[in-house]
PDB file of N, CA and C in Angstrom:
ATOM      1  N   MET A   1      -8.926 -10.908 -10.430  1.00  0.00           N
ATOM      2  CA  MET A   1      -9.007  -9.837 -11.407  1.00  0.00           C
ATOM      3  C   MET A   1      -7.924  -8.804 -11.114  1.00  0.00           C
ATOM      4  N   ALA A   2      -7.160  -8.467 -12.131  1.00  0.00           N
ATOM      5  CA  ALA A   2      -6.136  -7.437 -11.971  1.00  0.00           C
ATOM      6  C   ALA A   2      -6.788  -6.070 -12.135  1.00  0.00           C
ATOM      7  N   ARG A   3      -6.594  -5.231 -11.148  1.00  0.00           N
ATOM      8  CA  ARG A   3      -7.156  -3.879 -11.191  1.00  0.00           C
ATOM      9  C   ARG A   3      -6.035  -2.862 -11.234  1.00  0.00           C
ATOM     10  N   SER A   4      -6.313  -1.761 -11.884  1.00  0.00           N
ATOM     11  CA  SER A   4      -5.337  -0.676 -11.857  1.00  0.00           C
ATOM     12  C   SER A   4      -5.634   0.227 -10.663  1.00  0.00           C
ATOM     13  N   LEU A   5      -4.619   0.948 -10.248  1.00  0.00           N
ATOM     14  CA  LEU A   5      -4.726   1.933  -9.180  1.00  0.00           C
ATOM     15  C   LEU A   5      -4.271   3.253  -9.768  1.00  0.00           C
ATOM     16  N   GLY A   6      -5.189   4.202  -9.866  1.00  0.00           N
ATOM     17  CA  GLY A   6      -4.873   5.508 -10.425  1.00  0.00           C
ATOM     18  C   GLY A   6      -5.120   6.611  -9.410  1.00  0.00           C
ATOM     19  N   PHE A   7      -4.625   7.785  -9.737  1.00  0.00           N
ATOM     20  CA  PHE A   7      -4.743   8.941  -8.856  1.00  0.00           C
ATOM     21  C   PHE A   7      -5.119  10.163  -9.668  1.00  0.00           C
ATOM     22  N   THR A   8      -6.036  10.960  -9.153  1.00  0.00           N
ATOM     23  CA  THR A   8      -6.304  12.248  -9.768  1.00  0.00           C
ATOM     24  C   THR A   8      -5.129  13.174  -9.456  1.00  0.00           C
ATOM     25  N   ASP A   9      -5.037  14.264 -10.189  1.00  0.00           N
ATOM     26  CA  ASP A   9      -3.972  15.240  -9.911  1.00  0.00           C
ATOM     27  C   ASP A   9      -4.085  15.762  -8.485  1.00  0.00           C
ATOM     28  N   ARG A  10      -5.315  15.957  -8.016  1.00  0.00           N
ATOM     29  CA  ARG A  10      -5.527  16.460  -6.661  1.00  0.00           C
ATOM     30  C   ARG A  10      -5.045  15.449  -5.616  1.00  0.00           C
ATOM     31  N   ALA A  11      -5.285  14.155  -5.867  1.00  0.00           N
ATOM     32  CA  ALA A  11      -4.826  13.117  -4.943  1.00  0.00           C
ATOM     33  C   ALA A  11      -3.303  13.059  -4.895  1.00  0.00           C
ATOM     34  N   VAL A  12      -2.671  13.248  -6.044  1.00  0.00           N
ATOM     35  CA  VAL A  12      -1.201  13.270  -6.081  1.00  0.00           C
ATOM     36  C   VAL A  12      -0.686  14.437  -5.242  1.00  0.00           C
ATOM     37  N   ALA A  13      -1.300  15.605  -5.405  1.00  0.00           N
ATOM     38  CA  ALA A  13      -0.898  16.776  -4.614  1.00  0.00           C
ATOM     39  C   ALA A  13      -1.149  16.532  -3.127  1.00  0.00           C
ATOM     40  N   ASP A  14      -2.276  15.916  -2.801  1.00  0.00           N
ATOM     41  CA  ASP A  14      -2.572  15.589  -1.401  1.00  0.00           C
ATOM     42  C   ASP A  14      -1.504  14.671  -0.827  1.00  0.00           C
ATOM     43  N   PHE A  15      -1.153  13.627  -1.589  1.00  0.00           N
ATOM     44  CA  PHE A  15      -0.158  12.676  -1.090  1.00  0.00           C
ATOM     45  C   PHE A  15       1.201  13.345  -0.915  1.00  0.00           C
ATOM     46  N   GLU A  16       1.565  14.205  -1.827  1.00  0.00           N
ATOM     47  CA  GLU A  16       2.840  14.921  -1.693  1.00  0.00           C
ATOM     48  C   GLU A  16       2.850  15.784  -0.434  1.00  0.00           C
ATOM     49  N   ALA A  17       1.722  16.397  -0.106  1.00  0.00           N
ATOM     50  CA  ALA A  17       1.634  17.207   1.119  1.00  0.00           C
ATOM     51  C   ALA A  17       1.744  16.323   2.362  1.00  0.00           C
ATOM     52  N   VAL A  18       1.081  15.175   2.337  1.00  0.00           N
ATOM     53  CA  VAL A  18       1.170  14.229   3.455  1.00  0.00           C
ATOM     54  C   VAL A  18       2.611  13.749   3.610  1.00  0.00           C
ATOM     55  N   ARG A  19       3.223  13.387   2.485  1.00  0.00           N
ATOM     56  CA  ARG A  19       4.607  12.898   2.521  1.00  0.00           C
ATOM     57  C   ARG A  19       5.548  13.980   3.045  1.00  0.00           C
ATOM     58  N   ALA A  20       5.371  15.208   2.589  1.00  0.00           N
ATOM     59  CA  ALA A  20       6.219  16.309   3.061  1.00  0.00           C
ATOM     60  C   ALA A  20       6.068  16.512   4.568  1.00  0.00           C
ATOM     61  N   TRP A  21       4.835  16.400   5.065  1.00  0.00           N
ATOM     62  CA  TRP A  21       4.594  16.582   6.492  1.00  0.00           C
ATOM     63  C   TRP A  21       5.302  15.516   7.320  1.00  0.00           C
ATOM     64  N   TYR A  22       5.184  14.251   6.896  1.00  0.00           N
ATOM     65  CA  TYR A  22       5.739  13.150   7.678  1.00  0.00           C
ATOM     66  C   TYR A  22       7.230  12.925   7.471  1.00  0.00           C
ATOM     67  N   THR A  23       7.819  13.607   6.519  1.00  0.00           N
ATOM     68  CA  THR A  23       9.264  13.451   6.299  1.00  0.00           C
ATOM     69  C   THR A  23      10.033  14.738   6.573  1.00  0.00           C
ATOM     70  N   GLN A  24       9.374  15.742   7.122  1.00  0.00           N
ATOM     71  CA  GLN A  24      10.070  16.995   7.418  1.00  0.00           C
ATOM     72  C   GLN A  24      11.136  16.756   8.486  1.00  0.00           C
ATOM     73  N   PRO A  25      12.148  17.592   8.530  1.00  0.00           N
ATOM     74  CA  PRO A  25      13.192  17.433   9.540  1.00  0.00           C
ATOM     75  C   PRO A  25      12.587  17.406  10.948  1.00  0.00           C
ATOM     76  N   GLY A  26      13.009  16.422  11.726  1.00  0.00           N
ATOM     77  CA  GLY A  26      12.538  16.294  13.090  1.00  0.00           C
ATOM     78  C   GLY A  26      11.256  15.474  13.235  1.00  0.00           C
ATOM     79  N   ALA A  27      10.710  14.991  12.123  1.00  0.00           N
ATOM     80  CA  ALA A  27       9.443  14.239  12.187  1.00  0.00           C
ATOM     81  C   ALA A  27       9.600  12.932  12.955  1.00  0.00           C
ATOM     82  N   GLY A  28      10.728  12.295  12.832  1.00  0.00           N
ATOM     83  CA  GLY A  28      10.999  11.094  13.614  1.00  0.00           C
ATOM     84  C   GLY A  28      10.490   9.810  12.988  1.00  0.00           C
ATOM     85  N   SER A  29      10.811   8.720  13.649  1.00  0.00           N
ATOM     86  CA  SER A  29      10.502   7.393  13.114  1.00  0.00           C
ATOM     87  C   SER A  29       9.010   7.075  13.175  1.00  0.00           C
ATOM     88  N   VAL A  30       8.294   7.597  14.154  1.00  0.00           N
ATOM     89  CA  VAL A  30       6.855   7.346  14.244  1.00  0.00           C
ATOM     90  C   VAL A  30       6.155   7.937  13.016  1.00  0.00           C
ATOM     91  N   ALA A  31       6.555   9.115  12.606  1.00  0.00           N
ATOM     92  CA  ALA A  31       5.967   9.753  11.427  1.00  0.00           C
ATOM     93  C   ALA A  31       6.270   8.949  10.172  1.00  0.00           C
ATOM     94  N   LYS A  32       7.482   8.469  10.054  1.00  0.00           N
ATOM     95  CA  LYS A  32       7.843   7.675   8.873  1.00  0.00           C
ATOM     96  C   LYS A  32       7.055   6.367   8.826  1.00  0.00           C
ATOM     97  N   LYS A  33       6.816   5.756   9.979  1.00  0.00           N
ATOM     98  CA  LYS A  33       6.012   4.528  10.026  1.00  0.00           C
ATOM     99  C   LYS A  33       4.563   4.814   9.656  1.00  0.00           C
ATOM    100  N   ARG A  34       4.050   5.933  10.094  1.00  0.00           N
ATOM    101  CA  ARG A  34       2.675   6.315   9.746  1.00  0.00           C
ATOM    102  C   ARG A  34       2.554   6.522   8.241  1.00  0.00           C
ATOM    103  N   LEU A  35       3.524   7.193   7.646  1.00  0.00           N
ATOM    104  CA  LEU A  35       3.520   7.399   6.203  1.00  0.00           C
ATOM    105  C   LEU A  35       3.572   6.058   5.470  1.00  0.00           C
ATOM    106  N   LEU A  36       4.374   5.135   5.959  1.00  0.00           N
ATOM    107  CA  LEU A  36       4.463   3.815   5.340  1.00  0.00           C
ATOM    108  C   LEU A  36       3.121   3.089   5.427  1.00  0.00           C
ATOM    109  N   ARG A  37       2.453   3.151   6.577  1.00  0.00           N
ATOM    110  CA  ARG A  37       1.148   2.492   6.715  1.00  0.00           C
ATOM    111  C   ARG A  37       0.123   3.076   5.753  1.00  0.00           C
ATOM    112  N   ILE A  38       0.110   4.393   5.614  1.00  0.00           N
ATOM    113  CA  ILE A  38      -0.819   5.050   4.698  1.00  0.00           C
ATOM    114  C   ILE A  38      -0.519   4.621   3.258  1.00  0.00           C
ATOM    115  N   THR A  39       0.748   4.626   2.896  1.00  0.00           N
ATOM    116  CA  THR A  39       1.155   4.239   1.536  1.00  0.00           C
ATOM    117  C   THR A  39       0.757   2.796   1.240  1.00  0.00           C
ATOM    118  N   LEU A  40       1.051   1.887   2.155  1.00  0.00           N
ATOM    119  CA  LEU A  40       0.716   0.476   1.939  1.00  0.00           C
ATOM    120  C   LEU A  40      -0.789   0.249   1.883  1.00  0.00           C
ATOM    121  N   ALA A  41      -1.536   0.977   2.689  1.00  0.00           N
ATOM    122  CA  ALA A  41      -2.998   0.841   2.661  1.00  0.00           C
ATOM    123  C   ALA A  41      -3.549   1.274   1.303  1.00  0.00           C
ATOM    124  N   ILE A  42      -3.039   2.374   0.780  1.00  0.00           N
ATOM    125  CA  ILE A  42      -3.492   2.844  -0.538  1.00  0.00           C
ATOM    126  C   ILE A  42      -3.107   1.838  -1.617  1.00  0.00           C
ATOM    127  N   GLU A  43      -1.881   1.347  -1.569  1.00  0.00           N
ATOM    128  CA  GLU A  43      -1.434   0.371  -2.556  1.00  0.00           C
ATOM    129  C   GLU A  43      -2.253  -0.916  -2.485  1.00  0.00           C
ATOM    130  N   GLY A  44      -2.824  -1.229  -1.327  1.00  0.00           N
ATOM    131  CA  GLY A  44      -3.609  -2.437  -1.153  1.00  0.00           C
ATOM    132  C   GLY A  44      -5.068  -2.310  -1.575  1.00  0.00           C
ATOM    133  N   LEU A  45      -5.525  -1.110  -1.896  1.00  0.00           N
ATOM    134  CA  LEU A  45      -6.926  -0.922  -2.268  1.00  0.00           C
ATOM    135  C   LEU A  45      -7.398  -1.838  -3.402  1.00  0.00           C
ATOM    136  N   PRO A  46      -6.597  -2.073  -4.439  1.00  0.00           N
ATOM    137  CA  PRO A  46      -7.087  -2.947  -5.516  1.00  0.00           C
ATOM    138  C   PRO A  46      -7.372  -4.386  -5.083  1.00  0.00           C
ATOM    139  N   ARG A  47      -6.798  -4.840  -4.007  1.00  0.00           N
ATOM    140  CA  ARG A  47      -7.032  -6.229  -3.568  1.00  0.00           C
ATOM    141  C   ARG A  47      -8.451  -6.425  -3.050  1.00  0.00           C
ATOM    142  N   PHE A  48      -8.945  -5.507  -2.245  1.00  0.00           N
ATOM    143  CA  PHE A  48     -10.290  -5.599  -1.668  1.00  0.00           C
ATOM    144  C   PHE A  48     -10.976  -4.227  -1.766  1.00  0.00           C
ATOM    145  N   PRO A  49     -11.294  -3.794  -2.954  1.00  0.00           N
ATOM    146  CA  PRO A  49     -11.783  -2.423  -3.138  1.00  0.00           C
ATOM    147  C   PRO A  49     -13.154  -2.141  -2.534  1.00  0.00           C
ATOM    148  N   CYS A  50     -13.958  -3.170  -2.296  1.00  0.00           N
ATOM    149  CA  CYS A  50     -15.307  -2.970  -1.753  1.00  0.00           C
ATOM    150  C   CYS A  50     -15.355  -3.121  -0.238  1.00  0.00           C
ATOM    151  N   PHE A  51     -14.212  -3.297   0.379  1.00  0.00           N
ATOM    152  CA  PHE A  51     -14.145  -3.489   1.822  1.00  0.00           C
ATOM    153  C   PHE A  51     -14.606  -2.245   2.584  1.00  0.00           C
ATOM    154  N   TYR A  52     -14.348  -1.078   2.022  1.00  0.00           N
ATOM    155  CA  TYR A  52     -14.613   0.173   2.732  1.00  0.00           C
ATOM    156  C   TYR A  52     -15.985   0.728   2.375  1.00  0.00           C
ATOM    157  N   LYS A  53     -16.531   1.536   3.283  1.00  0.00           N
ATOM    158  CA  LYS A  53     -17.900   2.034   3.160  1.00  0.00           C
ATOM    159  C   LYS A  53     -18.048   3.099   2.084  1.00  0.00           C
ATOM    160  N   ALA A  54     -19.300   3.305   1.702  1.00  0.00           N
ATOM    161  CA  ALA A  54     -19.621   4.352   0.730  1.00  0.00           C
ATOM    162  C   ALA A  54     -19.307   5.715   1.336  1.00  0.00           C
ATOM    163  N   GLY A  55     -18.856   6.627   0.486  1.00  0.00           N
ATOM    164  CA  GLY A  55     -18.532   7.969   0.926  1.00  0.00           C
ATOM    165  C   GLY A  55     -19.751   8.881   0.919  1.00  0.00           C
ATOM    166  N   ALA A  56     -19.556  10.114   1.346  1.00  0.00           N
ATOM    167  CA  ALA A  56     -20.640  11.099   1.388  1.00  0.00           C
ATOM    168  C   ALA A  56     -21.089  11.500  -0.014  1.00  0.00           C
ATOM    169  N   SER A  57     -20.170  11.524  -0.959  1.00  0.00           N
ATOM    170  CA  SER A  57     -20.511  11.851  -2.345  1.00  0.00           C
ATOM    171  C   SER A  57     -20.878  10.564  -3.083  1.00  0.00           C
ATOM    172  N   PRO A  58     -21.927  10.606  -3.884  1.00  0.00           N
ATOM    173  CA  PRO A  58     -22.335   9.407  -4.622  1.00  0.00           C
ATOM    174  C   PRO A  58     -21.191   8.843  -5.470  1.00  0.00           C
ATOM    175  N   GLY A  59     -21.063   7.527  -5.458  1.00  0.00           N
ATOM    176  CA  GLY A  59     -20.055   6.865  -6.270  1.00  0.00           C
ATOM    177  C   GLY A  59     -18.669   6.824  -5.658  1.00  0.00           C
ATOM    178  N   THR A  60     -18.542   7.249  -4.402  1.00  0.00           N
ATOM    179  CA  THR A  60     -17.232   7.225  -3.745  1.00  0.00           C
ATOM    180  C   THR A  60     -17.244   6.247  -2.583  1.00  0.00           C
ATOM    181  N   ARG A  61     -16.047   5.876  -2.172  1.00  0.00           N
ATOM    182  CA  ARG A  61     -15.825   5.066  -0.972  1.00  0.00           C
ATOM    183  C   ARG A  61     -14.738   5.756  -0.158  1.00  0.00           C
ATOM    184  N   VAL A  62     -14.682   5.431   1.140  1.00  0.00           N
ATOM    185  CA  VAL A  62     -13.716   6.084   2.030  1.00  0.00           C
ATOM    186  C   VAL A  62     -12.978   5.039   2.851  1.00  0.00           C
ATOM    187  N   MET A  63     -11.672   5.083   2.782  1.00  0.00           N
ATOM    188  CA  MET A  63     -10.820   4.250   3.625  1.00  0.00           C
ATOM    189  C   MET A  63     -10.191   5.170   4.671  1.00  0.00           C
ATOM    190  N   ILE A  64     -10.256   4.767   5.934  1.00  0.00           N
ATOM    191  CA  ILE A  64      -9.609   5.518   7.011  1.00  0.00           C
ATOM    192  C   ILE A  64      -8.326   4.780   7.374  1.00  0.00           C
ATOM    193  N   CYS A  65      -7.221   5.508   7.407  1.00  0.00           N
ATOM    194  CA  CYS A  65      -5.931   4.930   7.776  1.00  0.00           C
ATOM    195  C   CYS A  65      -5.133   5.973   8.542  1.00  0.00           C
ATOM    196  N   ASP A  66      -4.814   5.669   9.774  1.00  0.00           N
ATOM    197  CA  ASP A  66      -4.031   6.586  10.609  1.00  0.00           C
ATOM    198  C   ASP A  66      -4.600   8.004  10.595  1.00  0.00           C
ATOM    199  N   ARG A  67      -5.907   8.086  10.795  1.00  0.00           N
ATOM    200  CA  ARG A  67      -6.632   9.357  10.868  1.00  0.00           C
ATOM    201  C   ARG A  67      -6.678  10.103   9.538  1.00  0.00           C
ATOM    202  N   HIS A  68      -6.279   9.483   8.460  1.00  0.00           N
ATOM    203  CA  HIS A  68      -6.380  10.072   7.126  1.00  0.00           C
ATOM    204  C   HIS A  68      -7.531   9.409   6.382  1.00  0.00           C
ATOM    205  N   ARG A  69      -8.256  10.205   5.607  1.00  0.00           N
ATOM    206  CA  ARG A  69      -9.347   9.675   4.791  1.00  0.00           C
ATOM    207  C   ARG A  69      -8.875   9.606   3.346  1.00  0.00           C
ATOM    208  N   VAL A  70      -8.941   8.422   2.785  1.00  0.00           N
ATOM    209  CA  VAL A  70      -8.610   8.226   1.383  1.00  0.00           C
ATOM    210  C   VAL A  70      -9.944   8.039   0.664  1.00  0.00           C
ATOM    211  N   ILE A  71     -10.292   9.002  -0.167  1.00  0.00           N
ATOM    212  CA  ILE A  71     -11.555   8.965  -0.903  1.00  0.00           C
ATOM    213  C   ILE A  71     -11.250   8.449  -2.305  1.00  0.00           C
ATOM    214  N   TYR A  72     -12.001   7.412  -2.695  1.00  0.00           N
ATOM    215  CA  TYR A  72     -11.730   6.796  -3.990  1.00  0.00           C
ATOM    216  C   TYR A  72     -13.023   6.349  -4.649  1.00  0.00           C
ATOM    217  N   GLN A  73     -12.902   6.023  -5.927  1.00  0.00           N
ATOM    218  CA  GLN A  73     -14.044   5.482  -6.651  1.00  0.00           C
ATOM    219  C   GLN A  73     -13.614   4.236  -7.399  1.00  0.00           C
ATOM    220  N   LEU A  74     -14.598   3.410  -7.709  1.00  0.00           N
ATOM    221  CA  LEU A  74     -14.365   2.184  -8.461  1.00  0.00           C
ATOM    222  C   LEU A  74     -15.094   2.293  -9.791  1.00  0.00           C
ATOM    223  N   ASP A  75     -14.511   1.710 -10.822  1.00  0.00           N
ATOM    224  CA  ASP A  75     -15.155   1.719 -12.133  1.00  0.00           C
ATOM    225  C   ASP A  75     -15.103   0.329 -12.740  1.00  0.00           C
ATOM    226  N   PRO A  76     -16.194  -0.436 -12.653  1.00  0.00           N
ATOM    227  CA  PRO A  76     -17.461  -0.140 -11.985  1.00  0.00           C
ATOM    228  C   PRO A  76     -17.415  -0.532 -10.513  1.00  0.00           C
ATOM    229  N   ASP A  77     -18.328   0.053  -9.741  1.00  0.00           N
ATOM    230  CA  ASP A  77     -18.477  -0.323  -8.334  1.00  0.00           C
ATOM    231  C   ASP A  77     -19.652  -1.295  -8.247  1.00  0.00           C
ATOM    232  N   THR A  78     -19.344  -2.559  -8.296  1.00  0.00           N
ATOM    233  CA  THR A  78     -20.372  -3.602  -8.261  1.00  0.00           C
ATOM    234  C   THR A  78     -20.759  -3.984  -6.838  1.00  0.00           C
ATOM    235  N   GLY A  79     -19.984  -3.508  -5.862  1.00  0.00           N
ATOM    236  CA  GLY A  79     -20.226  -3.894  -4.483  1.00  0.00           C
ATOM    237  C   GLY A  79     -19.642  -5.244  -4.126  1.00  0.00           C
ATOM    238  N   ASP A  80     -18.899  -5.837  -5.049  1.00  0.00           N
ATOM    239  CA  ASP A  80     -18.328  -7.164  -4.850  1.00  0.00           C
ATOM    240  C   ASP A  80     -16.840  -7.130  -5.195  1.00  0.00           C
ATOM    241  N   ASN A  81     -16.007  -7.591  -4.265  1.00  0.00           N
ATOM    242  CA  ASN A  81     -14.555  -7.570  -4.490  1.00  0.00           C
ATOM    243  C   ASN A  81     -14.120  -8.357  -5.715  1.00  0.00           C
ATOM    244  N   MET A  82     -14.871  -9.382  -6.080  1.00  0.00           N
ATOM    245  CA  MET A  82     -14.484 -10.213  -7.215  1.00  0.00           C
ATOM    246  C   MET A  82     -14.754  -9.542  -8.561  1.00  0.00           C
ATOM    247  N   THR A  83     -15.770  -8.679  -8.617  1.00  0.00           N
ATOM    248  CA  THR A  83     -16.166  -8.106  -9.907  1.00  0.00           C
ATOM    249  C   THR A  83     -15.988  -6.600 -10.016  1.00  0.00           C
ATOM    250  N   ALA A  84     -15.621  -5.942  -8.926  1.00  0.00           N
ATOM    251  CA  ALA A  84     -15.432  -4.487  -8.968  1.00  0.00           C
ATOM    252  C   ALA A  84     -14.276  -4.143  -9.898  1.00  0.00           C
ATOM    253  N   GLY A  85     -14.304  -2.930 -10.407  1.00  0.00           N
ATOM    254  CA  GLY A  85     -13.306  -2.506 -11.384  1.00  0.00           C
ATOM    255  C   GLY A  85     -12.137  -1.743 -10.799  1.00  0.00           C
ATOM    256  N   ASP A  86     -11.554  -0.921 -11.629  1.00  0.00           N
ATOM    257  CA  ASP A  86     -10.342  -0.179 -11.300  1.00  0.00           C
ATOM    258  C   ASP A  86     -10.587   0.852 -10.195  1.00  0.00           C
ATOM    259  N   VAL A  87      -9.526   1.151  -9.465  1.00  0.00           N
ATOM    260  CA  VAL A  87      -9.576   2.078  -8.333  1.00  0.00           C
ATOM    261  C   VAL A  87      -8.924   3.396  -8.743  1.00  0.00           C
ATOM    262  N   THR A  88      -9.620   4.491  -8.473  1.00  0.00           N
ATOM    263  CA  THR A  88      -9.044   5.821  -8.672  1.00  0.00           C
ATOM    264  C   THR A  88      -9.129   6.576  -7.353  1.00  0.00           C
ATOM    265  N   VAL A  89      -7.992   6.960  -6.820  1.00  0.00           N
ATOM    266  CA  VAL A  89      -7.949   7.750  -5.590  1.00  0.00           C
ATOM    267  C   VAL A  89      -8.233   9.197  -5.971  1.00  0.00           C
ATOM    268  N   LEU A  90      -9.248   9.771  -5.306  1.00  0.00           N
ATOM    269  CA  LEU A  90      -9.669  11.142  -5.604  1.00  0.00           C
ATOM    270  C   LEU A  90      -9.020  12.160  -4.686  1.00  0.00           C
ATOM    271  N   ARG A  91      -8.938  11.842  -3.387  1.00  0.00           N
ATOM    272  CA  ARG A  91      -8.383  12.758  -2.390  1.00  0.00           C
ATOM    273  C   ARG A  91      -7.755  11.954  -1.276  1.00  0.00           C
ATOM    274  N   ILE A  92      -6.788  12.551  -0.589  1.00  0.00           N
ATOM    275  CA  ILE A  92      -6.194  12.011   0.629  1.00  0.00           C
ATOM    276  C   ILE A  92      -6.209  13.163   1.629  1.00  0.00           C
ATOM    277  N   LEU A  93      -7.093  13.056   2.608  1.00  0.00           N
ATOM    278  CA  LEU A  93      -7.307  14.149   3.545  1.00  0.00           C
ATOM    279  C   LEU A  93      -6.775  13.804   4.918  1.00  0.00           C
ATOM    280  N   GLY A  94      -5.967  14.671   5.467  1.00  0.00           N
ATOM    281  CA  GLY A  94      -5.422  14.483   6.796  1.00  0.00           C
ATOM    282  C   GLY A  94      -6.372  14.950   7.865  1.00  0.00           C
ATOM    283  N   PRO A  95      -6.022  14.759   9.119  1.00  0.00           N
ATOM    284  CA  PRO A  95      -6.869  15.179  10.230  1.00  0.00           C
ATOM    285  C   PRO A  95      -7.209  16.666  10.139  1.00  0.00           C
ATOM    286  N   GLY A  96      -8.478  16.979  10.348  1.00  0.00           N
ATOM    287  CA  GLY A  96      -8.920  18.359  10.342  1.00  0.00           C
ATOM    288  C   GLY A  96      -9.201  18.949   8.975  1.00  0.00           C
ATOM    289  N   MET A  97      -8.939  18.190   7.910  1.00  0.00           N
ATOM    290  CA  MET A  97      -9.215  18.704   6.574  1.00  0.00           C
ATOM    291  C   MET A  97     -10.667  18.390   6.218  1.00  0.00           C
ATOM    292  N   PRO A  98     -11.358  19.314   5.545  1.00  0.00           N
ATOM    293  CA  PRO A  98     -12.785  19.098   5.202  1.00  0.00           C
ATOM    294  C   PRO A  98     -12.975  18.031   4.136  1.00  0.00           C
TER     295      PRO A  98
END
């Protein structure tokens, strides 16, 4: 099943902040690799959207990648990778963010 991957405006802003942090002058190659891992993990969500656990808010799931929490929802969330629907990333929270 082909699924779409969408982002809320807040998730886009979160990702831009993460990207700015890991690409700032002096961040180094380790930071760039971490950003790449986070990006690839998010891009891979449509392949196995039910792999990650339910989030604290009803109807959400949480993927942890390099100490970042990617909060997303599925429409519909059937609990099965074969029948689950489209993925919408709601937030991308870095370490220490509520």
